[in-house]
């Protein structure tokens, strides 16, 4: 089933997002049934890697348009 209006769509020139119709589909209470299976702790290595990527992408890896895309 190909329904393009179902997914979110981004207008790259303005940085705005048009919400897809999936957002209005009722969840029938499924959200309430989902409980965390763990305490969501991450490893020290994962944190260090995340921080290295963050430093890179706001420093030497920064692209000219990224500040415009962050609201």
N, C-alpha and C. Protein backbone atom coordinates (compact mmCIF):
# COMPACT_ATOMS: atom_id res chain seq x y z
N UNK A 1 0.85 -1.18 0.00
CA UNK A 1 0.00 0.00 0.00
C UNK A 1 0.90 1.24 0.00
N UNK A 2 0.83 2.04 -1.02
CA UNK A 2 1.66 3.24 -1.16
C UNK A 2 0.81 4.47 -0.85
N UNK A 3 0.98 5.03 0.33
CA UNK A 3 0.22 6.21 0.74
C UNK A 3 1.19 7.30 1.19
N UNK A 4 1.64 8.15 0.27
CA UNK A 4 2.63 9.18 0.60
C UNK A 4 2.17 10.13 1.70
N UNK A 5 0.87 10.37 1.80
CA UNK A 5 0.39 11.31 2.82
C UNK A 5 0.49 10.73 4.23
N UNK A 6 0.81 9.46 4.35
CA UNK A 6 0.90 8.80 5.65
C UNK A 6 2.14 9.26 6.43
N UNK A 7 3.24 9.52 5.74
CA UNK A 7 4.50 9.86 6.42
C UNK A 7 4.70 11.36 6.51
N UNK A 8 5.53 11.79 7.47
CA UNK A 8 5.88 13.20 7.60
C UNK A 8 6.71 13.61 6.39
N UNK A 9 6.62 14.89 6.04
CA UNK A 9 7.37 15.39 4.89
C UNK A 9 8.03 16.71 5.27
N UNK A 10 9.30 16.87 4.89
CA UNK A 10 10.04 18.08 5.22
C UNK A 10 10.20 18.96 4.00
N UNK A 11 9.96 20.27 4.18
CA UNK A 11 10.26 21.25 3.14
C UNK A 11 11.66 21.77 3.45
N UNK A 12 12.66 21.31 2.68
CA UNK A 12 14.05 21.63 2.98
C UNK A 12 14.36 23.12 2.86
N UNK A 13 13.68 23.82 2.00
CA UNK A 13 13.98 25.25 1.83
C UNK A 13 13.56 26.07 3.03
N UNK A 14 12.47 25.70 3.69
CA UNK A 14 12.00 26.47 4.85
C UNK A 14 12.30 25.77 6.17
N UNK A 15 12.63 24.47 6.11
CA UNK A 15 12.89 23.73 7.34
C UNK A 15 11.65 23.33 8.10
N UNK A 16 10.48 23.44 7.46
CA UNK A 16 9.24 23.07 8.14
C UNK A 16 8.87 21.62 7.83
N UNK A 17 8.09 21.04 8.71
CA UNK A 17 7.66 19.66 8.55
C UNK A 17 6.14 19.59 8.50
N UNK A 18 5.62 18.89 7.49
CA UNK A 18 4.19 18.64 7.39
C UNK A 18 3.94 17.28 8.01
N UNK A 19 3.10 17.26 9.03
CA UNK A 19 2.80 16.01 9.71
C UNK A 19 2.01 15.07 8.81
N UNK A 20 2.39 13.82 8.81
CA UNK A 20 1.69 12.80 8.04
C UNK A 20 0.42 12.36 8.76
N UNK A 21 -0.44 11.68 8.02
CA UNK A 21 -1.72 11.26 8.59
C UNK A 21 -1.56 10.17 9.64
N UNK A 22 -0.40 9.52 9.72
CA UNK A 22 -0.20 8.48 10.73
C UNK A 22 -0.36 9.04 12.14
N UNK A 23 -0.12 10.33 12.31
CA UNK A 23 -0.20 10.94 13.64
C UNK A 23 -1.62 11.00 14.17
N UNK A 24 -2.61 10.89 13.29
CA UNK A 24 -4.00 10.96 13.74
C UNK A 24 -4.66 9.58 13.86
N UNK A 25 -3.88 8.52 13.65
CA UNK A 25 -4.42 7.17 13.78
C UNK A 25 -4.48 6.81 15.27
N UNK A 26 -5.64 6.42 15.77
CA UNK A 26 -5.74 6.08 17.20
C UNK A 26 -4.85 4.90 17.56
N UNK A 27 -4.28 4.95 18.76
CA UNK A 27 -3.39 3.87 19.20
C UNK A 27 -4.13 2.80 19.98
N UNK A 28 -5.38 3.03 20.30
CA UNK A 28 -6.21 2.06 21.02
C UNK A 28 -5.59 1.63 22.34
N UNK A 29 -4.92 2.56 23.01
CA UNK A 29 -4.37 2.27 24.33
C UNK A 29 -3.09 1.46 24.34
N UNK A 30 -2.50 1.22 23.18
CA UNK A 30 -1.27 0.43 23.14
C UNK A 30 -0.15 1.13 23.90
N UNK A 31 -0.11 2.45 23.86
CA UNK A 31 0.94 3.19 24.57
C UNK A 31 0.97 2.84 26.05
N UNK A 32 -0.20 2.65 26.64
CA UNK A 32 -0.27 2.36 28.06
C UNK A 32 0.21 0.95 28.38
N UNK A 33 0.15 0.05 27.42
CA UNK A 33 0.58 -1.33 27.65
C UNK A 33 2.09 -1.49 27.61
N UNK A 34 2.75 -0.56 26.96
CA UNK A 34 4.20 -0.67 26.82
C UNK A 34 4.89 -0.18 28.08
N UNK A 35 5.65 -1.04 28.69
CA UNK A 35 6.42 -0.67 29.87
C UNK A 35 7.89 -0.90 29.57
N UNK A 36 8.74 -0.09 30.15
CA UNK A 36 10.17 -0.28 29.90
C UNK A 36 10.64 -1.65 30.39
N UNK A 37 11.47 -2.29 29.60
CA UNK A 37 12.00 -3.59 29.97
C UNK A 37 13.30 -3.48 30.76
N UNK A 38 13.87 -2.29 30.77
CA UNK A 38 15.10 -2.08 31.52
C UNK A 38 15.08 -0.66 32.05
N UNK A 39 16.12 -0.30 32.74
CA UNK A 39 16.18 1.06 33.29
C UNK A 39 16.77 2.04 32.29
N UNK A 40 17.00 1.59 31.06
CA UNK A 40 17.50 2.44 29.97
C UNK A 40 18.85 3.07 30.27
N UNK A 41 19.66 2.41 31.08
CA UNK A 41 21.03 2.88 31.28
C UNK A 41 21.86 2.49 30.08
N UNK A 42 22.77 3.35 29.71
CA UNK A 42 23.66 3.04 28.61
C UNK A 42 25.07 2.90 29.16
N UNK A 43 25.91 2.27 28.39
CA UNK A 43 27.27 2.03 28.85
C UNK A 43 28.10 3.31 28.77
N UNK A 44 29.16 3.32 29.51
CA UNK A 44 30.10 4.45 29.49
C UNK A 44 30.65 4.63 28.08
N UNK A 45 30.94 3.53 27.38
CA UNK A 45 31.46 3.62 26.01
C UNK A 45 30.44 4.28 25.08
N UNK A 46 29.18 3.95 25.23
CA UNK A 46 28.14 4.55 24.39
C UNK A 46 28.05 6.05 24.65
N UNK A 47 28.13 6.46 25.91
CA UNK A 47 28.09 7.88 26.25
C UNK A 47 29.29 8.61 25.65
N UNK A 48 30.48 8.03 25.78
CA UNK A 48 31.68 8.66 25.24
C UNK A 48 31.59 8.80 23.72
N UNK A 49 31.10 7.78 23.05
CA UNK A 49 30.96 7.84 21.59
C UNK A 49 29.93 8.89 21.19
N UNK A 50 28.80 8.93 21.89
CA UNK A 50 27.78 9.95 21.61
C UNK A 50 28.36 11.35 21.77
N UNK A 51 29.12 11.58 22.84
CA UNK A 51 29.71 12.89 23.08
C UNK A 51 30.73 13.26 22.02
N UNK A 52 31.50 12.28 21.55
CA UNK A 52 32.48 12.55 20.48
C UNK A 52 31.78 12.96 19.19
N UNK A 53 30.70 12.24 18.85
CA UNK A 53 29.93 12.61 17.66
C UNK A 53 29.32 14.01 17.82
N UNK A 54 28.78 14.30 18.98
CA UNK A 54 28.17 15.61 19.21
C UNK A 54 29.20 16.72 19.04
N UNK A 55 30.38 16.54 19.62
CA UNK A 55 31.44 17.54 19.49
C UNK A 55 31.86 17.72 18.04
N UNK A 56 31.94 16.63 17.30
CA UNK A 56 32.33 16.71 15.89
C UNK A 56 31.29 17.46 15.06
N UNK A 57 30.01 17.15 15.27
CA UNK A 57 28.98 17.73 14.42
C UNK A 57 28.62 19.17 14.77
N UNK A 58 29.10 19.68 15.88
CA UNK A 58 28.95 21.11 16.16
C UNK A 58 30.28 21.83 15.98
N UNK A 59 31.32 21.11 15.58
CA UNK A 59 32.64 21.67 15.36
C UNK A 59 33.09 21.46 13.93
N UNK A 60 34.16 20.68 13.73
CA UNK A 60 34.72 20.50 12.38
C UNK A 60 33.78 19.82 11.39
N UNK A 61 32.81 19.07 11.87
CA UNK A 61 31.88 18.38 10.96
C UNK A 61 30.61 19.15 10.68
N UNK A 62 30.55 20.39 11.15
CA UNK A 62 29.35 21.21 10.99
C UNK A 62 29.12 21.54 9.51
N UNK A 63 27.86 21.54 9.09
CA UNK A 63 27.52 21.94 7.73
C UNK A 63 26.82 23.29 7.76
N UNK A 64 26.89 24.01 6.67
CA UNK A 64 26.45 25.40 6.63
C UNK A 64 24.97 25.61 6.98
N UNK A 65 24.13 24.65 6.70
CA UNK A 65 22.69 24.83 6.87
C UNK A 65 22.14 24.28 8.17
N UNK A 66 22.95 23.64 9.01
CA UNK A 66 22.38 22.91 10.15
C UNK A 66 21.74 23.82 11.20
N UNK A 67 22.29 25.00 11.46
CA UNK A 67 21.69 25.88 12.47
C UNK A 67 20.30 26.34 12.04
N UNK A 68 20.10 26.49 10.74
CA UNK A 68 18.81 26.92 10.21
C UNK A 68 17.74 25.84 10.39
N UNK A 69 18.16 24.58 10.44
CA UNK A 69 17.22 23.47 10.54
C UNK A 69 16.83 23.14 11.98
N UNK A 70 17.56 23.67 12.94
CA UNK A 70 17.27 23.39 14.35
C UNK A 70 16.42 24.51 14.90
N UNK A 71 15.24 24.15 15.39
CA UNK A 71 14.33 25.17 15.91
C UNK A 71 14.49 25.31 17.40
